[in-house]
Amino acid sequence: MKFKCVHSNINVADLDKSIDFYEKALNLKVVRTHDAEDGRFRIVFLEGEGSSHQLELTWLADKEGPYNLGDNEIHLAFRADDYEAAYKRHKDLGVIVYENTDMGLYFIADPDGYWSEILPTR
């Protein structure tokens, strides 16, 4: 029996702002959307070039206020084929929230506070 991870989901407060972040910061593109007939939720799937793993963003119409991310110990991870250019882009966007130069990586945060780890290609 084999399993393949196909997507990860996060809930977001402002779908347009989140899509804009993931497009600008990580070059992810919208590949599929689903709107509830009654307008209660909207789901958007994003995917990066060369990857079949998708990021699912879910917006809930009745959600008020920010999401409670607890200790925020869960994160996504991305390998950058040009680590220096990625670092510059993220620095220019002002989204770097933590750097670990000893390990050669850093983290960025999206509009809801979810972290993504940026790693060089090894």
PDB file of N, CA and C in Angstrom:
ATOM      1  N   MET A   1       0.846  -1.173   0.000  1.00  0.00           N
ATOM      2  CA  MET A   1       0.000   0.000   0.000  1.00  0.00           C
ATOM      3  C   MET A   1       0.894   1.239   0.000  1.00  0.00           C
ATOM      4  N   LYS A   2       0.581   2.212  -0.875  1.00  0.00           N
ATOM      5  CA  LYS A   2       1.355   3.442  -0.971  1.00  0.00           C
ATOM      6  C   LYS A   2       0.444   4.638  -0.751  1.00  0.00           C
ATOM      7  N   PHE A   3       0.993   5.663  -0.147  1.00  0.00           N
ATOM      8  CA  PHE A   3       0.278   6.917   0.053  1.00  0.00           C
ATOM      9  C   PHE A   3       1.129   8.043  -0.508  1.00  0.00           C
ATOM     10  N   LYS A   4       0.485   9.017  -1.099  1.00  0.00           N
ATOM     11  CA  LYS A   4       1.170  10.184  -1.634  1.00  0.00           C
ATOM     12  C   LYS A   4       0.482  11.422  -1.080  1.00  0.00           C
ATOM     13  N   CYS A   5       1.248  12.299  -0.474  1.00  0.00           N
ATOM     14  CA  CYS A   5       0.691  13.541   0.053  1.00  0.00           C
ATOM     15  C   CYS A   5       0.370  14.456  -1.131  1.00  0.00           C
ATOM     16  N   VAL A   6      -0.883  14.907  -1.234  1.00  0.00           N
ATOM     17  CA  VAL A   6      -1.296  15.678  -2.406  1.00  0.00           C
ATOM     18  C   VAL A   6      -1.589  17.147  -2.115  1.00  0.00           C
ATOM     19  N   HIS A   7      -2.009  17.455  -0.880  1.00  0.00           N
ATOM     20  CA  HIS A   7      -2.177  18.858  -0.537  1.00  0.00           C
ATOM     21  C   HIS A   7      -2.148  19.070   0.966  1.00  0.00           C
ATOM     22  N   SER A   8      -1.897  20.310   1.349  1.00  0.00           N
ATOM     23  CA  SER A   8      -1.961  20.751   2.737  1.00  0.00           C
ATOM     24  C   SER A   8      -2.956  21.888   2.784  1.00  0.00           C
ATOM     25  N   ASN A   9      -3.703  21.986   3.879  1.00  0.00           N
ATOM     26  CA  ASN A   9      -4.749  22.999   3.997  1.00  0.00           C
ATOM     27  C   ASN A   9      -4.458  23.954   5.141  1.00  0.00           C
ATOM     28  N   ILE A  10      -4.743  25.231   4.894  1.00  0.00           N
ATOM     29  CA  ILE A  10      -4.783  26.226   5.966  1.00  0.00           C
ATOM     30  C   ILE A  10      -6.018  27.081   5.754  1.00  0.00           C
ATOM     31  N   ASN A  11      -6.600  27.539   6.839  1.00  0.00           N
ATOM     32  CA  ASN A  11      -7.740  28.450   6.771  1.00  0.00           C
ATOM     33  C   ASN A  11      -7.218  29.878   6.834  1.00  0.00           C
ATOM     34  N   VAL A  12      -7.811  30.748   6.033  1.00  0.00           N
ATOM     35  CA  VAL A  12      -7.334  32.120   5.943  1.00  0.00           C
ATOM     36  C   VAL A  12      -8.480  33.101   6.159  1.00  0.00           C
ATOM     37  N   ALA A  13      -8.151  34.258   6.708  1.00  0.00           N
ATOM     38  CA  ALA A  13      -9.158  35.269   7.000  1.00  0.00           C
ATOM     39  C   ALA A  13      -9.491  36.125   5.780  1.00  0.00           C
ATOM     40  N   ASP A  14      -8.490  36.422   4.961  1.00  0.00           N
ATOM     41  CA  ASP A  14      -8.681  37.251   3.772  1.00  0.00           C
ATOM     42  C   ASP A  14      -8.101  36.481   2.585  1.00  0.00           C
ATOM     43  N   LEU A  15      -8.962  35.848   1.811  1.00  0.00           N
ATOM     44  CA  LEU A  15      -8.524  34.964   0.732  1.00  0.00           C
ATOM     45  C   LEU A  15      -7.713  35.708  -0.321  1.00  0.00           C
ATOM     46  N   ASP A  16      -8.179  36.874  -0.745  1.00  0.00           N
ATOM     47  CA  ASP A  16      -7.451  37.625  -1.776  1.00  0.00           C
ATOM     48  C   ASP A  16      -6.056  38.017  -1.305  1.00  0.00           C
ATOM     49  N   LYS A  17      -5.944  38.456  -0.070  1.00  0.00           N
ATOM     50  CA  LYS A  17      -4.647  38.845   0.483  1.00  0.00           C
ATOM     51  C   LYS A  17      -3.714  37.632   0.554  1.00  0.00           C
ATOM     52  N   SER A  18      -4.260  36.483   0.929  1.00  0.00           N
ATOM     53  CA  SER A  18      -3.447  35.268   1.020  1.00  0.00           C
ATOM     54  C   SER A  18      -2.996  34.784  -0.350  1.00  0.00           C
ATOM     55  N   ILE A  19      -3.895  34.801  -1.324  1.00  0.00           N
ATOM     56  CA  ILE A  19      -3.519  34.412  -2.689  1.00  0.00           C
ATOM     57  C   ILE A  19      -2.404  35.320  -3.193  1.00  0.00           C
ATOM     58  N   ASP A  20      -2.556  36.615  -2.985  1.00  0.00           N
ATOM     59  CA  ASP A  20      -1.547  37.584  -3.412  1.00  0.00           C
ATOM     60  C   ASP A  20      -0.198  37.278  -2.758  1.00  0.00           C
ATOM     61  N   PHE A  21      -0.204  36.975  -1.469  1.00  0.00           N
ATOM     62  CA  PHE A  21       1.026  36.640  -0.762  1.00  0.00           C
ATOM     63  C   PHE A  21       1.704  35.420  -1.385  1.00  0.00           C
ATOM     64  N   TYR A  22       0.975  34.332  -1.547  1.00  0.00           N
ATOM     65  CA  TYR A  22       1.577  33.088  -2.050  1.00  0.00           C
ATOM     66  C   TYR A  22       2.015  33.209  -3.508  1.00  0.00           C
ATOM     67  N   GLU A  23       1.322  34.032  -4.292  1.00  0.00           N
ATOM     68  CA  GLU A  23       1.765  34.277  -5.669  1.00  0.00           C
ATOM     69  C   GLU A  23       3.058  35.087  -5.678  1.00  0.00           C
ATOM     70  N   LYS A  24       3.114  36.155  -4.904  1.00  0.00           N
ATOM     71  CA  LYS A  24       4.299  37.026  -4.905  1.00  0.00           C
ATOM     72  C   LYS A  24       5.490  36.409  -4.185  1.00  0.00           C
ATOM     73  N   ALA A  25       5.256  35.807  -3.038  1.00  0.00           N
ATOM     74  CA  ALA A  25       6.361  35.308  -2.218  1.00  0.00           C
ATOM     75  C   ALA A  25       6.913  33.973  -2.706  1.00  0.00           C
ATOM     76  N   LEU A  26       6.030  33.092  -3.220  1.00  0.00           N
ATOM     77  CA  LEU A  26       6.469  31.729  -3.530  1.00  0.00           C
ATOM     78  C   LEU A  26       6.125  31.263  -4.943  1.00  0.00           C
ATOM     79  N   ASN A  27       5.666  32.169  -5.783  1.00  0.00           N
ATOM     80  CA  ASN A  27       5.338  31.857  -7.181  1.00  0.00           C
ATOM     81  C   ASN A  27       4.285  30.764  -7.330  1.00  0.00           C
ATOM     82  N   LEU A  28       3.423  30.597  -6.334  1.00  0.00           N
ATOM     83  CA  LEU A  28       2.341  29.627  -6.455  1.00  0.00           C
ATOM     84  C   LEU A  28       1.231  30.227  -7.305  1.00  0.00           C
ATOM     85  N   LYS A  29       0.553  29.388  -8.059  1.00  0.00           N
ATOM     86  CA  LYS A  29      -0.526  29.833  -8.942  1.00  0.00           C
ATOM     87  C   LYS A  29      -1.813  29.097  -8.601  1.00  0.00           C
ATOM     88  N   VAL A  30      -2.932  29.782  -8.740  1.00  0.00           N
ATOM     89  CA  VAL A  30      -4.237  29.162  -8.522  1.00  0.00           C
ATOM     90  C   VAL A  30      -4.476  28.148  -9.635  1.00  0.00           C
ATOM     91  N   VAL A  31      -4.798  26.912  -9.243  1.00  0.00           N
ATOM     92  CA  VAL A  31      -5.053  25.861 -10.230  1.00  0.00           C
ATOM     93  C   VAL A  31      -6.488  25.345 -10.180  1.00  0.00           C
ATOM     94  N   ARG A  32      -7.184  25.628  -9.080  1.00  0.00           N
ATOM     95  CA  ARG A  32      -8.555  25.139  -8.951  1.00  0.00           C
ATOM     96  C   ARG A  32      -9.239  25.879  -7.820  1.00  0.00           C
ATOM     97  N   THR A  33     -10.542  26.122  -7.968  1.00  0.00           N
ATOM     98  CA  THR A  33     -11.326  26.748  -6.912  1.00  0.00           C
ATOM     99  C   THR A  33     -12.647  25.997  -6.736  1.00  0.00           C
ATOM    100  N   HIS A  34     -13.209  26.144  -5.557  1.00  0.00           N
ATOM    101  CA  HIS A  34     -14.530  25.583  -5.287  1.00  0.00           C
ATOM    102  C   HIS A  34     -15.276  26.546  -4.373  1.00  0.00           C
ATOM    103  N   ASP A  35     -16.460  26.959  -4.809  1.00  0.00           N
ATOM    104  CA  ASP A  35     -17.306  27.834  -4.013  1.00  0.00           C
ATOM    105  C   ASP A  35     -18.533  27.061  -3.549  1.00  0.00           C
ATOM    106  N   ALA A  36     -18.848  27.158  -2.267  1.00  0.00           N
ATOM    107  CA  ALA A  36     -20.064  26.536  -1.758  1.00  0.00           C
ATOM    108  C   ALA A  36     -21.263  27.229  -2.391  1.00  0.00           C
ATOM    109  N   GLU A  37     -22.254  26.449  -2.760  1.00  0.00           N
ATOM    110  CA  GLU A  37     -23.448  27.018  -3.388  1.00  0.00           C
ATOM    111  C   GLU A  37     -24.113  28.064  -2.514  1.00  0.00           C
ATOM    112  N   ASP A  38     -24.069  27.864  -1.208  1.00  0.00           N
ATOM    113  CA  ASP A  38     -24.712  28.813  -0.293  1.00  0.00           C
ATOM    114  C   ASP A  38     -23.771  29.927   0.173  1.00  0.00           C
ATOM    115  N   GLY A  39     -22.548  29.961  -0.343  1.00  0.00           N
ATOM    116  CA  GLY A  39     -21.603  31.028  -0.010  1.00  0.00           C
ATOM    117  C   GLY A  39     -20.918  30.882   1.337  1.00  0.00           C
ATOM    118  N   ARG A  40     -21.076  29.745   2.010  1.00  0.00           N
ATOM    119  CA  ARG A  40     -20.491  29.562   3.339  1.00  0.00           C
ATOM    120  C   ARG A  40     -18.968  29.452   3.329  1.00  0.00           C
ATOM    121  N   PHE A  41     -18.400  28.996   2.218  1.00  0.00           N
ATOM    122  CA  PHE A  41     -16.946  28.863   2.155  1.00  0.00           C
ATOM    123  C   PHE A  41     -16.472  28.937   0.712  1.00  0.00           C
ATOM    124  N   ARG A  42     -15.186  29.189   0.579  1.00  0.00           N
ATOM    125  CA  ARG A  42     -14.516  29.158  -0.725  1.00  0.00           C
ATOM    126  C   ARG A  42     -13.177  28.476  -0.513  1.00  0.00           C
ATOM    127  N   ILE A  43     -12.833  27.573  -1.430  1.00  0.00           N
ATOM    128  CA  ILE A  43     -11.565  26.846  -1.375  1.00  0.00           C
ATOM    129  C   ILE A  43     -10.780  27.157  -2.640  1.00  0.00           C
ATOM    130  N   VAL A  44      -9.503  27.451  -2.462  1.00  0.00           N
ATOM    131  CA  VAL A  44      -8.613  27.735  -3.589  1.00  0.00           C
ATOM    132  C   VAL A  44      -7.372  26.864  -3.442  1.00  0.00           C
ATOM    133  N   PHE A  45      -7.027  26.166  -4.512  1.00  0.00           N
ATOM    134  CA  PHE A  45      -5.827  25.331  -4.536  1.00  0.00           C
ATOM    135  C   PHE A  45      -4.748  26.056  -5.330  1.00  0.00           C
ATOM    136  N   LEU A  46      -3.549  26.114  -4.752  1.00  0.00           N
ATOM    137  CA  LEU A  46      -2.401  26.721  -5.411  1.00  0.00           C
ATOM    138  C   LEU A  46      -1.320  25.663  -5.594  1.00  0.00           C
ATOM    139  N   GLU A  47      -0.516  25.852  -6.638  1.00  0.00           N
ATOM    140  CA  GLU A  47       0.537  24.879  -6.928  1.00  0.00           C
ATOM    141  C   GLU A  47       1.731  25.609  -7.511  1.00  0.00           C
ATOM    142  N   GLY A  48       2.920  25.121  -7.189  1.00  0.00           N
ATOM    143  CA  GLY A  48       4.143  25.686  -7.724  1.00  0.00           C
ATOM    144  C   GLY A  48       4.627  24.907  -8.925  1.00  0.00           C
ATOM    145  N   GLU A  49       5.376  25.572  -9.768  1.00  0.00           N
ATOM    146  CA  GLU A  49       5.929  24.924 -10.961  1.00  0.00           C
ATOM    147  C   GLU A  49       6.840  23.772 -10.538  1.00  0.00           C
ATOM    148  N   GLY A  50       6.660  22.635 -11.154  1.00  0.00           N
ATOM    149  CA  GLY A  50       7.507  21.483 -10.874  1.00  0.00           C
ATOM    150  C   GLY A  50       7.090  20.680  -9.649  1.00  0.00           C
ATOM    151  N   SER A  51       5.957  21.017  -9.059  1.00  0.00           N
ATOM    152  CA  SER A  51       5.491  20.293  -7.880  1.00  0.00           C
ATOM    153  C   SER A  51       4.045  19.881  -8.083  1.00  0.00           C
ATOM    154  N   SER A  52       3.700  18.704  -7.621  1.00  0.00           N
ATOM    155  CA  SER A  52       2.308  18.290  -7.698  1.00  0.00           C
ATOM    156  C   SER A  52       1.600  18.462  -6.354  1.00  0.00           C
ATOM    157  N   HIS A  53       2.346  18.837  -5.330  1.00  0.00           N
ATOM    158  CA  HIS A  53       1.749  19.079  -4.018  1.00  0.00           C
ATOM    159  C   HIS A  53       1.072  20.453  -4.044  1.00  0.00           C
ATOM    160  N   GLN A  54      -0.155  20.504  -3.578  1.00  0.00           N
ATOM    161  CA  GLN A  54      -0.911  21.750  -3.620  1.00  0.00           C
ATOM    162  C   GLN A  54      -1.137  22.310  -2.223  1.00  0.00           C
ATOM    163  N   LEU A  55      -1.281  23.625  -2.171  1.00  0.00           N
ATOM    164  CA  LEU A  55      -1.661  24.313  -0.954  1.00  0.00           C
ATOM    165  C   LEU A  55      -3.129  24.694  -1.094  1.00  0.00           C
ATOM    166  N   GLU A  56      -3.946  24.229  -0.165  1.00  0.00           N
ATOM    167  CA  GLU A  56      -5.375  24.513  -0.174  1.00  0.00           C
ATOM    168  C   GLU A  56      -5.656  25.634   0.832  1.00  0.00           C
ATOM    169  N   LEU A  57      -6.190  26.741   0.336  1.00  0.00           N
ATOM    170  CA  LEU A  57      -6.594  27.843   1.201  1.00  0.00           C
ATOM    171  C   LEU A  57      -8.103  27.788   1.345  1.00  0.00           C
ATOM    172  N   THR A  58      -8.590  27.805   2.581  1.00  0.00           N
ATOM    173  CA  THR A  58     -10.027  27.770   2.833  1.00  0.00           C
ATOM    174  C   THR A  58     -10.450  29.052   3.525  1.00  0.00           C
ATOM    175  N   TRP A  59     -11.447  29.710   2.961  1.00  0.00           N
ATOM    176  CA  TRP A  59     -12.045  30.907   3.555  1.00  0.00           C
ATOM    177  C   TRP A  59     -13.453  30.558   4.002  1.00  0.00           C
ATOM    178  N   LEU A  60     -13.771  30.872   5.252  1.00  0.00           N
ATOM    179  CA  LEU A  60     -15.092  30.600   5.820  1.00  0.00           C
ATOM    180  C   LEU A  60     -15.830  31.917   6.031  1.00  0.00           C
ATOM    181  N   ALA A  61     -17.032  32.029   5.474  1.00  0.00           N
ATOM    182  CA  ALA A  61     -17.790  33.273   5.513  1.00  0.00           C
ATOM    183  C   ALA A  61     -18.147  33.709   6.925  1.00  0.00           C
ATOM    184  N   ASP A  62     -18.401  32.775   7.820  1.00  0.00           N
ATOM    185  CA  ASP A  62     -18.853  33.157   9.158  1.00  0.00           C
ATOM    186  C   ASP A  62     -17.723  33.301  10.174  1.00  0.00           C
ATOM    187  N   LYS A  63     -16.473  33.157   9.746  1.00  0.00           N
ATOM    188  CA  LYS A  63     -15.335  33.283  10.662  1.00  0.00           C
ATOM    189  C   LYS A  63     -15.080  34.751  10.950  1.00  0.00           C
ATOM    190  N   GLU A  64     -15.028  35.083  12.229  1.00  0.00           N
ATOM    191  CA  GLU A  64     -14.719  36.446  12.647  1.00  0.00           C
ATOM    192  C   GLU A  64     -13.396  36.465  13.381  1.00  0.00           C
ATOM    193  N   GLY A  65     -12.571  37.434  13.079  1.00  0.00           N
ATOM    194  CA  GLY A  65     -11.296  37.586  13.755  1.00  0.00           C
ATOM    195  C   GLY A  65     -10.232  36.648  13.243  1.00  0.00           C
ATOM    196  N   PRO A  66      -9.026  36.805  13.780  1.00  0.00           N
ATOM    197  CA  PRO A  66      -7.903  35.971  13.325  1.00  0.00           C
ATOM    198  C   PRO A  66      -8.001  34.545  13.850  1.00  0.00           C
ATOM    199  N   TYR A  67      -7.326  33.655  13.172  1.00  0.00           N
ATOM    200  CA  TYR A  67      -7.243  32.266  13.620  1.00  0.00           C
ATOM    201  C   TYR A  67      -6.251  32.153  14.774  1.00  0.00           C
ATOM    202  N   ASN A  68      -6.531  31.273  15.706  1.00  0.00           N
ATOM    203  CA  ASN A  68      -5.629  31.003  16.816  1.00  0.00           C
ATOM    204  C   ASN A  68      -4.629  29.954  16.344  1.00  0.00           C
ATOM    205  N   LEU A  69      -3.393  30.359  16.137  1.00  0.00           N
ATOM    206  CA  LEU A  69      -2.369  29.443  15.635  1.00  0.00           C
ATOM    207  C   LEU A  69      -1.597  28.770  16.761  1.00  0.00           C
ATOM    208  N   GLY A  70      -2.018  28.981  18.003  1.00  0.00           N
ATOM    209  CA  GLY A  70      -1.335  28.350  19.127  1.00  0.00           C
ATOM    210  C   GLY A  70       0.131  28.741  19.153  1.00  0.00           C
ATOM    211  N   ASP A  71       0.998  27.772  19.319  1.00  0.00           N
ATOM    212  CA  ASP A  71       2.438  28.026  19.340  1.00  0.00           C
ATOM    213  C   ASP A  71       3.027  28.119  17.942  1.00  0.00           C
ATOM    214  N   ASN A  72       2.189  27.906  16.915  1.00  0.00           N
ATOM    215  CA  ASN A  72       2.607  28.018  15.520  1.00  0.00           C
ATOM    216  C   ASN A  72       3.833  27.157  15.225  1.00  0.00           C
ATOM    217  N   GLU A  73       3.852  25.947  15.737  1.00  0.00           N
ATOM    218  CA  GLU A  73       4.979  25.045  15.504  1.00  0.00           C
ATOM    219  C   GLU A  73       4.838  24.245  14.208  1.00  0.00           C
ATOM    220  N   ILE A  74       3.700  24.342  13.553  1.00  0.00           N
ATOM    221  CA  ILE A  74       3.494  23.652  12.279  1.00  0.00           C
ATOM    222  C   ILE A  74       3.826  24.631  11.158  1.00  0.00           C
ATOM    223  N   HIS A  75       4.513  24.146  10.137  1.00  0.00           N
ATOM    224  CA  HIS A  75       4.868  25.035   9.033  1.00  0.00           C
ATOM    225  C   HIS A  75       4.972  24.252   7.728  1.00  0.00           C
ATOM    226  N   LEU A  76       4.955  24.991   6.637  1.00  0.00           N
ATOM    227  CA  LEU A  76       5.239  24.446   5.314  1.00  0.00           C
ATOM    228  C   LEU A  76       6.729  24.623   5.062  1.00  0.00           C
ATOM    229  N   ALA A  77       7.284  23.887   4.121  1.00  0.00           N
ATOM    230  CA  ALA A  77       8.691  24.044   3.764  1.00  0.00           C
ATOM    231  C   ALA A  77       8.826  24.051   2.242  1.00  0.00           C
ATOM    232  N   PHE A  78       9.654  24.962   1.743  1.00  0.00           N
ATOM    233  CA  PHE A  78       9.895  25.111   0.311  1.00  0.00           C
ATOM    234  C   PHE A  78      11.390  25.150   0.056  1.00  0.00           C
ATOM    235  N   ARG A  79      11.840  24.431  -0.977  1.00  0.00           N
ATOM    236  CA  ARG A  79      13.225  24.535  -1.443  1.00  0.00           C
ATOM    237  C   ARG A  79      13.271  25.577  -2.545  1.00  0.00           C
ATOM    238  N   ALA A  80      14.233  26.459  -2.466  1.00  0.00           N
ATOM    239  CA  ALA A  80      14.408  27.514  -3.467  1.00  0.00           C
ATOM    240  C   ALA A  80      15.578  27.158  -4.372  1.00  0.00           C
ATOM    241  N   ASP A  81      15.346  27.153  -5.685  1.00  0.00           N
ATOM    242  CA  ASP A  81      16.452  26.836  -6.606  1.00  0.00           C
ATOM    243  C   ASP A  81      17.462  27.973  -6.669  1.00  0.00           C
ATOM    244  N   ASP A  82      17.069  29.185  -6.278  1.00  0.00           N
ATOM    245  CA  ASP A  82      17.983  30.317  -6.168  1.00  0.00           C
ATOM    246  C   ASP A  82      17.746  30.949  -4.799  1.00  0.00           C
ATOM    247  N   TYR A  83      18.408  30.405  -3.799  1.00  0.00           N
ATOM    248  CA  TYR A  83      18.201  30.792  -2.404  1.00  0.00           C
ATOM    249  C   TYR A  83      18.471  32.277  -2.180  1.00  0.00           C
ATOM    250  N   GLU A  84      19.540  32.800  -2.771  1.00  0.00           N
ATOM    251  CA  GLU A  84      19.893  34.206  -2.575  1.00  0.00           C
ATOM    252  C   GLU A  84      18.827  35.132  -3.156  1.00  0.00           C
ATOM    253  N   ALA A  85      18.307  34.803  -4.336  1.00  0.00           N
ATOM    254  CA  ALA A  85      17.252  35.618  -4.941  1.00  0.00           C
ATOM    255  C   ALA A  85      15.960  35.520  -4.126  1.00  0.00           C
ATOM    256  N   ALA A  86      15.660  34.325  -3.621  1.00  0.00           N
ATOM    257  CA  ALA A  86      14.474  34.150  -2.780  1.00  0.00           C
ATOM    258  C   ALA A  86      14.602  34.989  -1.512  1.00  0.00           C
ATOM    259  N   TYR A  87      15.776  34.942  -0.891  1.00  0.00           N
ATOM    260  CA  TYR A  87      16.008  35.717   0.329  1.00  0.00           C
ATOM    261  C   TYR A  87      15.819  37.209   0.061  1.00  0.00           C
ATOM    262  N   LYS A  88      16.380  37.681  -1.045  1.00  0.00           N
ATOM    263  CA  LYS A  88      16.237  39.103  -1.388  1.00  0.00           C
ATOM    264  C   LYS A  88      14.763  39.465  -1.595  1.00  0.00           C
ATOM    265  N   ARG A  89      14.029  38.625  -2.334  1.00  0.00           N
ATOM    266  CA  ARG A  89      12.608  38.894  -2.568  1.00  0.00           C
ATOM    267  C   ARG A  89      11.850  38.972  -1.249  1.00  0.00           C
ATOM    268  N   HIS A  90      12.092  37.999  -0.377  1.00  0.00           N
ATOM    269  CA  HIS A  90      11.371  37.963   0.895  1.00  0.00           C
ATOM    270  C   HIS A  90      11.771  39.109   1.815  1.00  0.00           C
ATOM    271  N   LYS A  91      13.036  39.507   1.766  1.00  0.00           N
ATOM    272  CA  LYS A  91      13.490  40.668   2.535  1.00  0.00           C
ATOM    273  C   LYS A  91      12.794  41.927   2.015  1.00  0.00           C
ATOM    274  N   ASP A  92      12.741  42.074   0.674  1.00  0.00           N
ATOM    275  CA  ASP A  92      12.079  43.236   0.066  1.00  0.00           C
ATOM    276  C   ASP A  92      10.586  43.274   0.393  1.00  0.00           C
ATOM    277  N   LEU A  93       9.948  42.093   0.456  1.00  0.00           N
ATOM    278  CA  LEU A  93       8.528  42.016   0.800  1.00  0.00           C
ATOM    279  C   LEU A  93       8.284  42.214   2.302  1.00  0.00           C
ATOM    280  N   GLY A  94       9.336  42.135   3.101  1.00  0.00           N
ATOM    281  CA  GLY A  94       9.218  42.318   4.549  1.00  0.00           C
ATOM    282  C   GLY A  94       8.520  41.173   5.252  1.00  0.00           C
ATOM    283  N   VAL A  95       8.687  39.943   4.731  1.00  0.00           N
ATOM    284  CA  VAL A  95       7.955  38.797   5.289  1.00  0.00           C
ATOM    285  C   VAL A  95       8.837  37.812   6.066  1.00  0.00           C
ATOM    286  N   ILE A  96      10.137  38.070   6.166  1.00  0.00           N
ATOM    287  CA  ILE A  96      11.017  37.183   6.924  1.00  0.00           C
ATOM    288  C   ILE A  96      10.772  37.409   8.416  1.00  0.00           C
ATOM    289  N   VAL A  97      10.497  36.310   9.129  1.00  0.00           N
ATOM    290  CA  VAL A  97      10.205  36.409  10.559  1.00  0.00           C
ATOM    291  C   VAL A  97      11.250  35.722  11.434  1.00  0.00           C
ATOM    292  N   TYR A  98      12.056  34.853  10.852  1.00  0.00           N
ATOM    293  CA  TYR A  98      13.085  34.176  11.626  1.00  0.00           C
ATOM    294  C   TYR A  98      14.166  33.677  10.679  1.00  0.00           C
ATOM    295  N   GLU A  99      15.419  33.871  11.083  1.00  0.00           N
ATOM    296  CA  GLU A  99      16.552  33.386  10.294  1.00  0.00           C
ATOM    297  C   GLU A  99      17.421  32.492  11.165  1.00  0.00           C
ATOM    298  N   ASN A 100      17.854  31.371  10.604  1.00  0.00           N
ATOM    299  CA  ASN A 100      18.799  30.484  11.269  1.00  0.00           C
ATOM    300  C   ASN A 100      19.977  30.309  10.325  1.00  0.00           C
ATOM    301  N   THR A 101      20.939  31.211  10.439  1.00  0.00           N
ATOM    302  CA  THR A 101      22.083  31.188   9.519  1.00  0.00           C
ATOM    303  C   THR A 101      22.956  29.952   9.737  1.00  0.00           C
ATOM    304  N   ASP A 102      23.006  29.430  10.980  1.00  0.00           N
ATOM    305  CA  ASP A 102      23.797  28.220  11.228  1.00  0.00           C
ATOM    306  C   ASP A 102      23.261  27.037  10.431  1.00  0.00           C
ATOM    307  N   MET A 103      21.951  26.959  10.301  1.00  0.00           N
ATOM    308  CA  MET A 103      21.330  25.864   9.546  1.00  0.00           C
ATOM    309  C   MET A 103      21.107  26.237   8.082  1.00  0.00           C
ATOM    310  N   GLY A 104      21.324  27.501   7.709  1.00  0.00           N
ATOM    311  CA  GLY A 104      21.176  27.931   6.326  1.00  0.00           C
ATOM    312  C   GLY A 104      19.734  27.979   5.861  1.00  0.00           C
ATOM    313  N   LEU A 105      18.842  28.494   6.706  1.00  0.00           N
ATOM    314  CA  LEU A 105      17.425  28.568   6.342  1.00  0.00           C
ATOM    315  C   LEU A 105      16.785  29.773   7.021  1.00  0.00           C
ATOM    316  N   TYR A 106      15.581  30.082   6.577  1.00  0.00           N
ATOM    317  CA  TYR A 106      14.817  31.153   7.215  1.00  0.00           C
ATOM    318  C   TYR A 106      13.332  30.862   7.046  1.00  0.00           C
ATOM    319  N   PHE A 107      12.523  31.629   7.763  1.00  0.00           N
ATOM    320  CA  PHE A 107      11.073  31.460   7.717  1.00  0.00           C
ATOM    321  C   PHE A 107      10.414  32.773   7.293  1.00  0.00           C
ATOM    322  N   ILE A 108       9.329  32.639   6.538  1.00  0.00           N
ATOM    323  CA  ILE A 108       8.500  33.790   6.190  1.00  0.00           C
ATOM    324  C   ILE A 108       7.106  33.544   6.776  1.00  0.00           C
ATOM    325  N   ALA A 109       6.339  34.625   6.962  1.00  0.00           N
ATOM    326  CA  ALA A 109       4.977  34.496   7.502  1.00  0.00           C
ATOM    327  C   ALA A 109       3.987  35.095   6.517  1.00  0.00           C
ATOM    328  N   ASP A 110       2.858  34.402   6.358  1.00  0.00           N
ATOM    329  CA  ASP A 110       1.799  34.891   5.477  1.00  0.00           C
ATOM    330  C   ASP A 110       0.898  35.869   6.248  1.00  0.00           C
ATOM    331  N   PRO A 111      -0.129  36.445   5.608  1.00  0.00           N
ATOM    332  CA  PRO A 111      -0.972  37.439   6.273  1.00  0.00           C
ATOM    333  C   PRO A 111      -1.686  36.935   7.533  1.00  0.00           C
ATOM    334  N   ASP A 112      -1.891  35.622   7.655  1.00  0.00           N
ATOM    335  CA  ASP A 112      -2.538  35.075   8.845  1.00  0.00           C
ATOM    336  C   ASP A 112      -1.536  34.639   9.915  1.00  0.00           C
ATOM    337  N   GLY A 113      -0.254  34.730   9.611  1.00  0.00           N
ATOM    338  CA  GLY A 113       0.774  34.347  10.572  1.00  0.00           C
ATOM    339  C   GLY A 113       1.306  32.940  10.411  1.00  0.00           C
ATOM    340  N   TYR A 114       0.849  32.208   9.389  1.00  0.00           N
ATOM    341  CA  TYR A 114       1.405  30.874   9.131  1.00  0.00           C
ATOM    342  C   TYR A 114       2.830  31.023   8.616  1.00  0.00           C
ATOM    343  N   TRP A 115       3.726  30.183   9.101  1.00  0.00           N
ATOM    344  CA  TRP A 115       5.123  30.246   8.692  1.00  0.00           C
ATOM    345  C   TRP A 115       5.421  29.235   7.592  1.00  0.00           C
ATOM    346  N   SER A 116       6.332  29.625   6.694  1.00  0.00           N
ATOM    347  CA  SER A 116       6.881  28.727   5.691  1.00  0.00           C
ATOM    348  C   SER A 116       8.401  28.786   5.795  1.00  0.00           C
ATOM    349  N   GLU A 117       9.026  27.622   5.809  1.00  0.00           N
ATOM    350  CA  GLU A 117      10.478  27.511   5.879  1.00  0.00           C
ATOM    351  C   GLU A 117      11.029  27.553   4.462  1.00  0.00           C
ATOM    352  N   ILE A 118      12.105  28.314   4.268  1.00  0.00           N
ATOM    353  CA  ILE A 118      12.752  28.409   2.970  1.00  0.00           C
ATOM    354  C   ILE A 118      14.134  27.773   3.088  1.00  0.00           C
ATOM    355  N   LEU A 119      14.356  26.769   2.241  1.00  0.00           N
ATOM    356  CA  LEU A 119      15.587  25.998   2.256  1.00  0.00           C
ATOM    357  C   LEU A 119      16.305  26.115   0.906  1.00  0.00           C
ATOM    358  N   PRO A 120      17.625  26.073   0.923  1.00  0.00           N
ATOM    359  CA  PRO A 120      18.339  26.027  -0.347  1.00  0.00           C
ATOM    360  C   PRO A 120      18.266  24.633  -0.953  1.00  0.00           C
ATOM    361  N   THR A 121      18.458  24.530  -2.258  1.00  0.00           N
ATOM    362  CA  THR A 121      18.557  23.235  -2.905  1.00  0.00           C
ATOM    363  C   THR A 121      19.886  22.622  -2.513  1.00  0.00           C
ATOM    364  N   ARG A 122      19.859  21.374  -2.123  1.00  0.00           N
ATOM    365  CA  ARG A 122      21.118  20.727  -1.668  1.00  0.00           C
ATOM    366  C   ARG A 122      21.495  19.637  -2.619  1.00  0.00           C
TER     367      ARG A 122
END
